[in-house]
């Protein structure tokens, strides 16, 4: 099957891309609303893009009616936010946080999710996530023709890793055990992927 994307409507392009660019990491983004409650939403157009400065990219689309989503609006107005890496056992909570709630209703409160305050950073983190990236807005760019996406470049200021998932190896380097984190990833449609076997292959000299 050969698929010509320029012959498809935008919605079909999206569904095709999400079923071929896989698996994708998920950014579970916590932002602050105008009333100081917290917005929480997952985005799977997400990845690391630079180490100096340390940047990750999250692509955030519009709502169906063309308005900005709460996450990107909050980040435009308040530059601090937290990106979490969800574990496989958090699929139900992550999926529930993607629901459209009435204005002023927090996904954190609706999901009864616990937060932990962090010294030196204004925003809290989700207590049960094993990885949290404490970020500041670096830049927001717009891309797309018919339905624009907000490309959020997030600068990571600090990283939280659960102590049970990390150690310093015999070379003095940080080793984070992905198998202990069991990160959840996104496939197409309503499908997600659980963490599988760790494969090893040393880079050739």
N, C-alpha and C. Protein backbone atom coordinates (compact mmCIF):
# COMPACT_ATOMS: atom_id res chain seq x y z
N UNK A 1 0.84 -1.20 0.00
CA UNK A 1 0.00 0.00 0.00
C UNK A 1 0.88 1.25 0.00
N UNK A 2 0.66 2.12 -0.93
CA UNK A 2 1.38 3.38 -1.01
C UNK A 2 0.36 4.50 -0.77
N UNK A 3 0.62 5.33 0.24
CA UNK A 3 -0.35 6.34 0.65
C UNK A 3 0.17 7.72 0.28
N UNK A 4 -0.54 8.44 -0.55
CA UNK A 4 -0.16 9.79 -0.95
C UNK A 4 -0.88 10.79 -0.05
N UNK A 5 -0.12 11.41 0.86
CA UNK A 5 -0.74 12.28 1.85
C UNK A 5 -1.35 13.53 1.24
N UNK A 6 -0.81 13.99 0.11
CA UNK A 6 -1.37 15.20 -0.49
C UNK A 6 -2.73 14.97 -1.14
N UNK A 7 -3.17 13.71 -1.17
CA UNK A 7 -4.49 13.38 -1.70
C UNK A 7 -5.52 13.15 -0.59
N UNK A 8 -5.09 13.30 0.67
CA UNK A 8 -5.97 13.01 1.80
C UNK A 8 -6.39 14.31 2.50
N UNK A 9 -7.60 14.33 3.07
CA UNK A 9 -7.97 15.46 3.92
C UNK A 9 -7.11 15.46 5.18
N UNK A 10 -7.03 16.62 5.84
CA UNK A 10 -6.14 16.79 6.98
C UNK A 10 -6.40 15.76 8.08
N UNK A 11 -7.66 15.46 8.35
CA UNK A 11 -7.99 14.50 9.41
C UNK A 11 -7.42 13.12 9.09
N UNK A 12 -7.49 12.72 7.82
CA UNK A 12 -6.95 11.41 7.44
C UNK A 12 -5.43 11.40 7.49
N UNK A 13 -4.80 12.53 7.16
CA UNK A 13 -3.35 12.63 7.30
C UNK A 13 -2.95 12.40 8.75
N UNK A 14 -3.68 13.05 9.66
CA UNK A 14 -3.40 12.89 11.09
C UNK A 14 -3.51 11.42 11.51
N UNK A 15 -4.60 10.77 11.15
CA UNK A 15 -4.78 9.38 11.56
C UNK A 15 -3.72 8.47 10.95
N UNK A 16 -3.30 8.77 9.74
CA UNK A 16 -2.26 7.96 9.10
C UNK A 16 -0.91 8.17 9.79
N UNK A 17 -0.59 9.43 10.08
CA UNK A 17 0.69 9.71 10.74
C UNK A 17 0.75 9.08 12.13
N UNK A 18 -0.34 9.14 12.88
CA UNK A 18 -0.30 8.60 14.24
C UNK A 18 -0.23 7.08 14.26
N UNK A 19 -0.51 6.45 13.12
CA UNK A 19 -0.40 5.00 13.06
C UNK A 19 0.89 4.53 12.40
N UNK A 20 1.72 5.47 11.95
CA UNK A 20 3.00 5.10 11.33
C UNK A 20 4.20 5.66 12.08
N UNK A 21 4.06 6.81 12.70
CA UNK A 21 5.13 7.35 13.53
C UNK A 21 4.90 6.81 14.94
N UNK A 22 5.53 5.67 15.22
CA UNK A 22 5.22 4.99 16.48
C UNK A 22 6.37 4.10 16.94
N UNK A 23 6.40 3.82 18.25
CA UNK A 23 5.57 4.43 19.29
C UNK A 23 6.03 5.85 19.56
N UNK A 24 5.15 6.65 20.16
CA UNK A 24 5.50 8.03 20.48
C UNK A 24 5.46 8.24 21.98
N UNK A 25 6.45 8.95 22.54
CA UNK A 25 6.38 9.28 23.96
C UNK A 25 5.23 10.24 24.21
N UNK A 26 4.76 10.28 25.42
CA UNK A 26 3.62 11.13 25.78
C UNK A 26 4.06 12.17 26.79
N UNK A 27 3.78 13.43 26.48
CA UNK A 27 4.01 14.52 27.44
C UNK A 27 2.71 14.74 28.21
N UNK A 28 2.74 14.48 29.50
CA UNK A 28 1.56 14.70 30.35
C UNK A 28 1.79 16.04 31.03
N UNK A 29 1.15 17.08 30.51
CA UNK A 29 1.53 18.46 30.81
C UNK A 29 0.61 19.08 31.87
N UNK A 30 1.24 19.56 32.94
CA UNK A 30 0.54 20.24 34.02
C UNK A 30 0.79 21.74 33.91
N UNK A 31 -0.29 22.51 33.78
CA UNK A 31 -0.20 23.97 33.71
C UNK A 31 -1.15 24.57 34.74
N UNK A 32 -0.99 25.87 34.94
CA UNK A 32 -1.84 26.57 35.92
C UNK A 32 -2.89 27.40 35.20
N UNK A 33 -4.15 27.25 35.62
CA UNK A 33 -5.25 28.03 35.06
C UNK A 33 -5.29 29.43 35.66
N UNK A 34 -6.14 30.27 35.09
CA UNK A 34 -6.28 31.64 35.59
C UNK A 34 -6.70 31.69 37.05
N UNK A 35 -7.51 30.71 37.48
CA UNK A 35 -8.02 30.71 38.86
C UNK A 35 -7.10 29.96 39.82
N UNK A 36 -5.88 29.66 39.39
CA UNK A 36 -4.82 28.95 40.15
C UNK A 36 -5.11 27.46 40.32
N UNK A 37 -6.18 26.93 39.72
CA UNK A 37 -6.35 25.48 39.66
C UNK A 37 -5.40 24.95 38.58
N UNK A 38 -5.35 23.64 38.41
CA UNK A 38 -4.38 23.05 37.49
C UNK A 38 -5.05 22.32 36.34
N UNK A 39 -4.50 22.56 35.15
CA UNK A 39 -4.92 21.85 33.95
C UNK A 39 -3.93 20.73 33.68
N UNK A 40 -4.43 19.59 33.24
CA UNK A 40 -3.57 18.44 32.96
C UNK A 40 -4.04 17.80 31.66
N UNK A 41 -3.11 17.61 30.71
CA UNK A 41 -3.49 17.05 29.41
C UNK A 41 -2.31 16.31 28.79
N UNK A 42 -2.59 15.20 28.07
CA UNK A 42 -1.53 14.45 27.38
C UNK A 42 -1.38 14.87 25.92
N UNK A 43 -0.12 14.87 25.45
CA UNK A 43 0.19 15.19 24.05
C UNK A 43 1.25 14.22 23.56
N UNK A 44 1.01 13.61 22.39
CA UNK A 44 1.96 12.61 21.91
C UNK A 44 2.76 13.06 20.69
N UNK A 45 2.61 14.31 20.27
CA UNK A 45 3.57 14.88 19.33
C UNK A 45 4.63 15.56 20.19
N UNK A 46 5.60 14.78 20.64
CA UNK A 46 6.50 15.20 21.73
C UNK A 46 7.82 14.48 21.63
N UNK A 47 8.93 15.23 21.81
CA UNK A 47 10.24 14.58 21.88
C UNK A 47 11.32 15.59 22.26
N UNK A 48 12.52 15.07 22.56
CA UNK A 48 13.68 15.91 22.86
C UNK A 48 14.27 16.43 21.56
N UNK A 49 14.71 17.72 21.57
CA UNK A 49 15.23 18.31 20.34
C UNK A 49 16.59 18.98 20.50
N UNK A 50 17.03 19.26 21.73
CA UNK A 50 18.30 19.97 21.91
C UNK A 50 18.81 19.73 23.32
N UNK A 51 20.16 19.73 23.47
CA UNK A 51 20.76 19.55 24.79
C UNK A 51 21.34 20.85 25.35
N UNK A 52 21.61 21.83 24.50
CA UNK A 52 22.20 23.10 24.95
C UNK A 52 21.59 24.25 24.16
N UNK A 53 20.47 24.83 24.67
CA UNK A 53 19.84 24.56 25.96
C UNK A 53 19.03 23.25 25.92
N UNK A 54 18.70 22.69 27.08
CA UNK A 54 17.95 21.44 27.11
C UNK A 54 16.48 21.67 26.76
N UNK A 55 16.11 21.32 25.52
CA UNK A 55 14.77 21.60 25.02
C UNK A 55 14.03 20.34 24.62
N UNK A 56 12.74 20.32 24.91
CA UNK A 56 11.84 19.33 24.34
C UNK A 56 10.78 20.09 23.54
N UNK A 57 10.20 19.41 22.57
CA UNK A 57 9.19 20.01 21.71
C UNK A 57 7.86 19.31 21.92
N UNK A 58 6.81 20.09 22.12
CA UNK A 58 5.45 19.56 22.20
C UNK A 58 4.62 20.30 21.16
N UNK A 59 3.97 19.55 20.28
CA UNK A 59 3.11 20.15 19.27
C UNK A 59 1.66 20.06 19.76
N UNK A 60 1.00 21.21 19.85
CA UNK A 60 -0.33 21.28 20.44
C UNK A 60 -1.29 21.87 19.42
N UNK A 61 -2.30 21.09 19.05
CA UNK A 61 -3.29 21.55 18.08
C UNK A 61 -4.37 22.41 18.70
N UNK A 62 -5.30 22.83 17.87
CA UNK A 62 -6.42 23.64 18.31
C UNK A 62 -7.57 22.75 18.80
N UNK A 63 -8.50 23.35 19.52
CA UNK A 63 -9.73 22.67 19.83
C UNK A 63 -10.58 22.58 18.56
N UNK A 64 -11.61 21.75 18.61
CA UNK A 64 -12.44 21.54 17.41
C UNK A 64 -13.05 22.83 16.89
N UNK A 65 -13.32 23.78 17.79
CA UNK A 65 -13.93 25.04 17.36
C UNK A 65 -12.90 26.08 16.96
N UNK A 66 -11.61 25.69 16.93
CA UNK A 66 -10.56 26.59 16.49
C UNK A 66 -9.88 27.38 17.58
N UNK A 67 -10.37 27.28 18.81
CA UNK A 67 -9.75 28.01 19.92
C UNK A 67 -8.50 27.28 20.40
N UNK A 68 -7.61 28.04 21.05
CA UNK A 68 -6.43 27.42 21.65
C UNK A 68 -6.84 26.49 22.77
N UNK A 69 -6.08 25.42 22.94
CA UNK A 69 -6.32 24.54 24.08
C UNK A 69 -5.82 25.22 25.36
N UNK A 70 -6.38 24.79 26.48
CA UNK A 70 -6.05 25.42 27.76
C UNK A 70 -4.55 25.35 28.04
N UNK A 71 -3.91 24.24 27.70
CA UNK A 71 -2.50 24.05 28.02
C UNK A 71 -1.64 25.15 27.40
N UNK A 72 -1.80 25.37 26.09
CA UNK A 72 -0.94 26.35 25.43
C UNK A 72 -1.32 27.77 25.85
N UNK A 73 -2.59 28.01 26.08
CA UNK A 73 -2.99 29.35 26.55
C UNK A 73 -2.37 29.64 27.92
N UNK A 74 -2.41 28.64 28.81
CA UNK A 74 -1.82 28.81 30.14
C UNK A 74 -0.32 29.06 30.04
N UNK A 75 0.35 28.36 29.13
CA UNK A 75 1.81 28.50 29.01
C UNK A 75 2.18 29.85 28.41
N UNK A 76 1.34 30.37 27.55
CA UNK A 76 1.58 31.72 27.03
C UNK A 76 1.50 32.76 28.16
N UNK A 77 0.57 32.55 29.07
CA UNK A 77 0.32 33.54 30.13
C UNK A 77 1.22 33.33 31.35
N UNK A 78 1.56 32.09 31.63
CA UNK A 78 2.42 31.76 32.78
C UNK A 78 3.47 30.78 32.29
N UNK A 79 4.72 31.17 32.32
CA UNK A 79 5.75 30.45 31.56
C UNK A 79 6.23 29.16 32.20
N UNK A 80 5.85 28.87 33.44
CA UNK A 80 6.32 27.64 34.10
C UNK A 80 5.27 26.53 33.99
N UNK A 81 5.74 25.31 33.78
CA UNK A 81 4.85 24.15 33.67
C UNK A 81 5.68 22.89 33.88
N UNK A 82 5.00 21.76 34.01
CA UNK A 82 5.68 20.49 34.29
C UNK A 82 5.21 19.43 33.30
N UNK A 83 6.18 18.76 32.67
CA UNK A 83 5.90 17.65 31.76
C UNK A 83 6.22 16.35 32.48
N UNK A 84 5.24 15.46 32.57
CA UNK A 84 5.42 14.18 33.23
C UNK A 84 5.51 13.05 32.22
N UNK A 85 6.23 12.01 32.58
CA UNK A 85 6.28 10.77 31.80
C UNK A 85 5.45 9.75 32.56
N UNK A 86 4.32 9.37 32.01
CA UNK A 86 3.41 8.44 32.69
C UNK A 86 3.91 7.01 32.57
N UNK A 87 3.65 6.23 33.59
CA UNK A 87 3.95 4.79 33.57
C UNK A 87 2.72 4.02 33.08
N UNK A 88 2.95 2.78 32.69
CA UNK A 88 1.88 1.98 32.10
C UNK A 88 0.67 1.86 33.02
N UNK A 89 0.91 1.77 34.32
CA UNK A 89 -0.22 1.60 35.25
C UNK A 89 -1.06 2.87 35.38
N UNK A 90 -0.61 3.97 34.77
CA UNK A 90 -1.35 5.23 34.84
C UNK A 90 -2.19 5.50 33.59
N UNK A 91 -2.38 4.48 32.75
CA UNK A 91 -3.12 4.68 31.51
C UNK A 91 -4.52 5.23 31.77
N UNK A 92 -5.24 4.68 32.73
CA UNK A 92 -6.62 5.12 32.98
C UNK A 92 -6.66 6.60 33.36
N UNK A 93 -5.75 7.01 34.25
CA UNK A 93 -5.71 8.41 34.69
C UNK A 93 -5.31 9.34 33.54
N UNK A 94 -4.30 8.92 32.76
CA UNK A 94 -3.85 9.74 31.64
C UNK A 94 -4.96 9.88 30.60
N UNK A 95 -5.61 8.78 30.27
CA UNK A 95 -6.68 8.82 29.28
C UNK A 95 -7.84 9.70 29.76
N UNK A 96 -8.18 9.61 31.03
CA UNK A 96 -9.27 10.42 31.57
C UNK A 96 -8.94 11.91 31.50
N UNK A 97 -7.67 12.25 31.64
CA UNK A 97 -7.28 13.67 31.62
C UNK A 97 -7.38 14.28 30.22
N UNK A 98 -7.61 13.45 29.20
CA UNK A 98 -7.78 13.98 27.84
C UNK A 98 -9.21 14.39 27.56
N UNK A 99 -10.12 14.13 28.49
CA UNK A 99 -11.53 14.50 28.30
C UNK A 99 -11.69 16.02 28.34
N UNK A 100 -12.65 16.51 27.59
CA UNK A 100 -12.97 17.94 27.60
C UNK A 100 -13.87 18.25 28.78
N UNK A 101 -13.37 19.08 29.69
CA UNK A 101 -14.13 19.44 30.89
C UNK A 101 -14.71 20.83 30.75
N UNK A 102 -15.74 21.14 31.52
CA UNK A 102 -16.30 22.50 31.51
C UNK A 102 -15.25 23.51 31.97
N UNK A 103 -15.35 24.76 31.53
CA UNK A 103 -14.39 25.78 31.96
C UNK A 103 -14.31 25.87 33.49
N UNK A 104 -13.09 25.96 34.00
CA UNK A 104 -12.89 26.08 35.43
C UNK A 104 -12.80 24.77 36.18
N UNK A 105 -13.04 23.65 35.49
CA UNK A 105 -12.94 22.35 36.16
C UNK A 105 -11.57 21.75 35.90
N UNK A 106 -10.89 21.35 36.97
CA UNK A 106 -9.52 20.86 36.87
C UNK A 106 -9.48 19.35 36.65
N UNK A 107 -8.64 18.92 35.69
CA UNK A 107 -8.44 17.49 35.46
C UNK A 107 -7.77 16.83 36.65
N UNK A 108 -6.95 17.58 37.37
CA UNK A 108 -6.30 17.05 38.57
C UNK A 108 -7.33 16.74 39.64
N UNK A 109 -8.25 17.68 39.86
CA UNK A 109 -9.30 17.46 40.85
C UNK A 109 -10.27 16.37 40.40
N UNK A 110 -10.64 16.39 39.11
CA UNK A 110 -11.59 15.40 38.60
C UNK A 110 -11.03 13.99 38.70
N UNK A 111 -9.72 13.84 38.51
CA UNK A 111 -9.09 12.52 38.59
C UNK A 111 -8.60 12.17 39.97
N UNK A 112 -8.82 13.09 40.93
CA UNK A 112 -8.37 12.88 42.31
C UNK A 112 -6.88 12.53 42.35
N UNK A 113 -6.08 13.31 41.61
CA UNK A 113 -4.65 13.06 41.51
C UNK A 113 -3.89 13.89 42.54
N UNK A 114 -2.94 13.25 43.18
CA UNK A 114 -2.16 13.93 44.23
C UNK A 114 -1.02 14.73 43.61
N UNK A 115 -0.73 15.87 44.22
CA UNK A 115 0.37 16.73 43.80
C UNK A 115 1.41 16.83 44.91
N UNK A 116 2.66 17.03 44.51
CA UNK A 116 3.75 17.21 45.47
C UNK A 116 4.45 18.54 45.16
N UNK A 117 4.59 19.37 46.17
CA UNK A 117 5.29 20.64 46.02
C UNK A 117 6.79 20.40 45.88
N UNK A 118 7.43 21.29 45.13
CA UNK A 118 8.84 21.13 44.81
C UNK A 118 9.59 22.37 45.26
N UNK A 119 10.66 22.19 45.99
CA UNK A 119 11.47 23.31 46.45
C UNK A 119 12.15 23.99 45.27
N UNK A 120 12.00 25.31 45.17
CA UNK A 120 12.68 26.08 44.13
C UNK A 120 11.95 26.18 42.81
N UNK A 121 10.74 25.60 42.72
CA UNK A 121 9.96 25.70 41.49
C UNK A 121 8.52 25.97 41.88
N UNK A 122 7.88 26.91 41.19
CA UNK A 122 6.55 27.34 41.60
C UNK A 122 5.49 26.27 41.39
N UNK A 123 5.63 25.47 40.35
CA UNK A 123 4.62 24.46 40.03
C UNK A 123 4.90 23.16 40.76
N UNK A 124 3.85 22.44 41.17
CA UNK A 124 4.04 21.12 41.76
C UNK A 124 4.18 20.06 40.67
N UNK A 125 4.43 18.83 41.09
CA UNK A 125 4.44 17.70 40.16
C UNK A 125 3.37 16.69 40.59
N UNK A 126 3.00 15.82 39.66
CA UNK A 126 2.11 14.72 40.00
C UNK A 126 2.88 13.74 40.89
N UNK A 127 2.33 13.42 42.04
CA UNK A 127 3.05 12.63 43.03
C UNK A 127 3.42 11.24 42.52
N UNK A 128 2.56 10.63 41.71
CA UNK A 128 2.76 9.23 41.34
C UNK A 128 3.58 9.03 40.07
N UNK A 129 4.00 10.11 39.42
CA UNK A 129 4.83 9.95 38.21
C UNK A 129 6.29 9.78 38.59
N UNK A 130 6.96 8.87 37.91
CA UNK A 130 8.35 8.57 38.24
C UNK A 130 9.34 9.54 37.58
N UNK A 131 8.89 10.28 36.57
CA UNK A 131 9.73 11.30 35.94
C UNK A 131 8.89 12.57 35.75
N UNK A 132 9.48 13.70 36.11
CA UNK A 132 8.85 15.00 35.88
C UNK A 132 9.91 15.98 35.40
N UNK A 133 9.59 16.70 34.34
CA UNK A 133 10.48 17.70 33.77
C UNK A 133 9.93 19.08 34.12
N UNK A 134 10.66 19.83 34.92
CA UNK A 134 10.24 21.16 35.34
C UNK A 134 10.71 22.17 34.29
N UNK A 135 9.76 22.77 33.60
CA UNK A 135 10.07 23.51 32.38
C UNK A 135 9.66 24.98 32.45
N UNK A 136 10.32 25.76 31.61
CA UNK A 136 9.91 27.12 31.33
C UNK A 136 9.74 27.27 29.82
N UNK A 137 8.83 28.13 29.44
CA UNK A 137 8.59 28.39 28.02
C UNK A 137 9.84 29.02 27.40
N UNK A 138 10.37 28.38 26.37
CA UNK A 138 11.51 28.92 25.61
C UNK A 138 11.01 29.68 24.39
N UNK A 139 10.07 29.08 23.68
CA UNK A 139 9.53 29.72 22.48
C UNK A 139 8.26 28.99 22.07
N UNK A 140 7.39 29.71 21.39
CA UNK A 140 6.21 29.11 20.78
C UNK A 140 6.16 29.58 19.34
N UNK A 141 6.13 28.64 18.41
CA UNK A 141 6.04 28.96 16.98
C UNK A 141 4.77 28.33 16.42
N UNK A 142 4.23 28.96 15.41
CA UNK A 142 3.03 28.46 14.76
C UNK A 142 3.41 27.81 13.43
N UNK A 143 2.78 26.67 13.14
CA UNK A 143 3.06 25.98 11.89
C UNK A 143 1.76 25.34 11.39
N UNK A 144 1.68 25.17 10.09
CA UNK A 144 0.49 24.55 9.51
C UNK A 144 -0.26 25.53 8.64
N UNK A 145 -1.02 24.99 7.70
CA UNK A 145 -1.74 25.85 6.76
C UNK A 145 -3.21 26.00 7.15
N UNK A 146 -3.98 24.91 7.09
CA UNK A 146 -5.42 25.02 7.35
C UNK A 146 -5.71 25.11 8.85
N UNK A 147 -5.11 24.25 9.63
CA UNK A 147 -5.37 24.21 11.07
C UNK A 147 -4.02 24.27 11.78
N UNK A 148 -3.64 25.43 12.26
CA UNK A 148 -2.30 25.62 12.78
C UNK A 148 -2.06 24.88 14.10
N UNK A 149 -0.81 24.46 14.27
CA UNK A 149 -0.34 23.84 15.50
C UNK A 149 0.58 24.82 16.22
N UNK A 150 0.55 24.78 17.53
CA UNK A 150 1.51 25.54 18.34
C UNK A 150 2.69 24.63 18.64
N UNK A 151 3.87 25.03 18.18
CA UNK A 151 5.08 24.28 18.51
C UNK A 151 5.69 24.90 19.76
N UNK A 152 5.57 24.19 20.86
CA UNK A 152 6.08 24.66 22.14
C UNK A 152 7.48 24.11 22.36
N UNK A 153 8.46 25.01 22.45
CA UNK A 153 9.81 24.62 22.83
C UNK A 153 9.94 24.87 24.33
N UNK A 154 10.08 23.79 25.08
CA UNK A 154 10.12 23.85 26.53
C UNK A 154 11.56 23.65 27.01
N UNK A 155 12.05 24.59 27.81
CA UNK A 155 13.40 24.46 28.36
C UNK A 155 13.31 23.79 29.72
N UNK A 156 14.01 22.68 29.86
CA UNK A 156 13.99 21.92 31.12
C UNK A 156 14.95 22.57 32.10
N UNK A 157 14.44 22.94 33.26
CA UNK A 157 15.25 23.54 34.31
C UNK A 157 15.71 22.51 35.33
N UNK A 158 14.86 21.57 35.65
CA UNK A 158 15.19 20.51 36.60
C UNK A 158 14.45 19.24 36.18
N UNK A 159 14.96 18.10 36.62
CA UNK A 159 14.30 16.82 36.35
C UNK A 159 14.16 16.06 37.66
N UNK A 160 12.96 15.57 37.91
CA UNK A 160 12.75 14.66 39.04
C UNK A 160 12.72 13.24 38.50
N UNK A 161 13.46 12.35 39.14
CA UNK A 161 13.42 10.92 38.85
C UNK A 161 13.25 10.18 40.17
N UNK A 162 12.31 9.28 40.22
CA UNK A 162 12.08 8.45 41.40
C UNK A 162 13.40 7.75 41.77
N UNK A 163 13.80 7.84 43.03
CA UNK A 163 15.06 7.24 43.47
C UNK A 163 15.14 5.75 43.17
N UNK A 164 13.99 5.08 43.17
CA UNK A 164 13.98 3.64 42.92
C UNK A 164 14.29 3.30 41.47
N UNK A 165 14.28 4.31 40.59
CA UNK A 165 14.49 4.09 39.16
C UNK A 165 15.85 4.56 38.67
N UNK A 166 16.69 5.08 39.58
CA UNK A 166 17.96 5.67 39.15
C UNK A 166 19.08 5.29 40.11
N UNK A 167 20.29 5.26 39.57
CA UNK A 167 21.48 5.01 40.39
C UNK A 167 22.70 5.58 39.68
N UNK A 168 23.79 5.70 40.38
CA UNK A 168 25.06 6.10 39.78
C UNK A 168 25.86 4.83 39.52
N UNK A 169 26.26 4.62 38.25
CA UNK A 169 26.97 3.37 37.92
C UNK A 169 28.44 3.45 38.31
N UNK A 170 29.19 2.39 38.00
CA UNK A 170 30.59 2.31 38.43
C UNK A 170 31.49 3.30 37.70
N UNK A 171 30.98 3.96 36.66
CA UNK A 171 31.74 4.99 35.97
C UNK A 171 31.35 6.39 36.45
N UNK A 172 30.51 6.44 37.47
CA UNK A 172 30.08 7.72 38.01
C UNK A 172 29.01 8.43 37.20
N UNK A 173 28.36 7.69 36.31
CA UNK A 173 27.32 8.28 35.47
C UNK A 173 25.93 7.89 35.98
N UNK A 174 25.00 8.80 35.77
CA UNK A 174 23.62 8.51 36.13
C UNK A 174 23.06 7.44 35.21
N UNK A 175 22.43 6.44 35.80
CA UNK A 175 21.76 5.38 35.04
C UNK A 175 20.30 5.36 35.48
N UNK A 176 19.41 5.67 34.54
CA UNK A 176 17.97 5.61 34.80
C UNK A 176 17.44 4.32 34.18
N UNK A 177 16.78 3.52 34.97
CA UNK A 177 16.30 2.21 34.54
C UNK A 177 14.90 2.35 33.93
N UNK A 178 14.83 2.32 32.61
CA UNK A 178 13.54 2.47 31.94
C UNK A 178 12.57 1.35 32.31
N UNK A 179 13.12 0.15 32.57
CA UNK A 179 12.25 -0.97 32.90
C UNK A 179 11.58 -0.79 34.26
N UNK A 180 12.14 0.06 35.12
CA UNK A 180 11.51 0.35 36.40
C UNK A 180 10.48 1.47 36.27
N UNK A 181 10.64 2.29 35.24
CA UNK A 181 9.68 3.36 35.00
C UNK A 181 8.47 2.84 34.23
N UNK A 182 8.69 1.88 33.33
CA UNK A 182 7.62 1.33 32.51
C UNK A 182 6.85 2.44 31.79
N UNK A 183 7.54 3.27 30.98
CA UNK A 183 6.85 4.39 30.34
C UNK A 183 5.78 3.95 29.35
N UNK A 184 4.69 4.68 29.37
CA UNK A 184 3.58 4.44 28.46
C UNK A 184 3.85 5.18 27.16
N UNK A 185 3.51 4.58 26.02
CA UNK A 185 3.69 5.26 24.75
C UNK A 185 2.41 5.18 23.92
N UNK A 186 2.35 6.00 22.91
CA UNK A 186 1.13 6.17 22.11
C UNK A 186 1.28 5.51 20.76
N UNK A 187 0.21 4.86 20.33
CA UNK A 187 0.11 4.32 18.98
C UNK A 187 -0.98 5.12 18.25
N UNK A 188 -1.71 4.49 17.35
CA UNK A 188 -2.76 5.19 16.64
C UNK A 188 -4.12 4.97 17.26
N UNK A 189 -5.10 5.76 16.82
CA UNK A 189 -6.48 5.64 17.28
C UNK A 189 -6.53 5.63 18.80
N UNK A 190 -7.13 4.61 19.40
CA UNK A 190 -7.24 4.54 20.86
C UNK A 190 -6.22 3.58 21.45
N UNK A 191 -5.14 3.33 20.74
CA UNK A 191 -4.18 2.33 21.16
C UNK A 191 -2.95 2.95 21.82
N UNK A 192 -2.48 2.27 22.85
CA UNK A 192 -1.26 2.62 23.56
C UNK A 192 -0.36 1.40 23.59
N UNK A 193 0.91 1.61 23.89
CA UNK A 193 1.85 0.50 24.00
C UNK A 193 2.45 0.47 25.39
N UNK A 194 2.51 -0.71 25.96
CA UNK A 194 3.18 -0.87 27.24
C UNK A 194 4.66 -1.07 27.00
N UNK A 195 5.43 -0.99 28.06
CA UNK A 195 6.87 -1.12 27.94
C UNK A 195 7.24 -2.59 27.76
N UNK A 196 8.09 -2.87 26.79
CA UNK A 196 8.46 -4.25 26.50
C UNK A 196 9.88 -4.59 26.92
N UNK A 197 10.46 -5.54 26.24
CA UNK A 197 11.80 -6.01 26.55
C UNK A 197 12.85 -4.95 26.20
N UNK A 198 13.86 -4.83 27.05
CA UNK A 198 14.97 -3.92 26.76
C UNK A 198 15.98 -4.66 25.88
N UNK A 199 16.30 -4.10 24.73
CA UNK A 199 17.26 -4.68 23.81
C UNK A 199 18.56 -3.89 23.86
N UNK A 200 19.68 -4.56 23.75
CA UNK A 200 21.00 -3.91 23.82
C UNK A 200 21.72 -4.05 22.49
N UNK A 201 22.32 -2.97 22.04
CA UNK A 201 23.17 -3.00 20.84
C UNK A 201 24.16 -1.86 20.97
N UNK A 202 25.43 -2.18 21.19
CA UNK A 202 26.45 -1.14 21.32
C UNK A 202 26.71 -0.48 19.97
N UNK A 203 26.92 0.83 20.01
CA UNK A 203 27.22 1.55 18.77
C UNK A 203 28.58 1.12 18.25
N UNK A 204 28.68 0.87 16.94
CA UNK A 204 29.96 0.45 16.38
C UNK A 204 31.02 1.53 16.55
N UNK A 205 32.29 1.09 16.68
CA UNK A 205 33.40 2.04 16.78
C UNK A 205 33.63 2.76 15.45
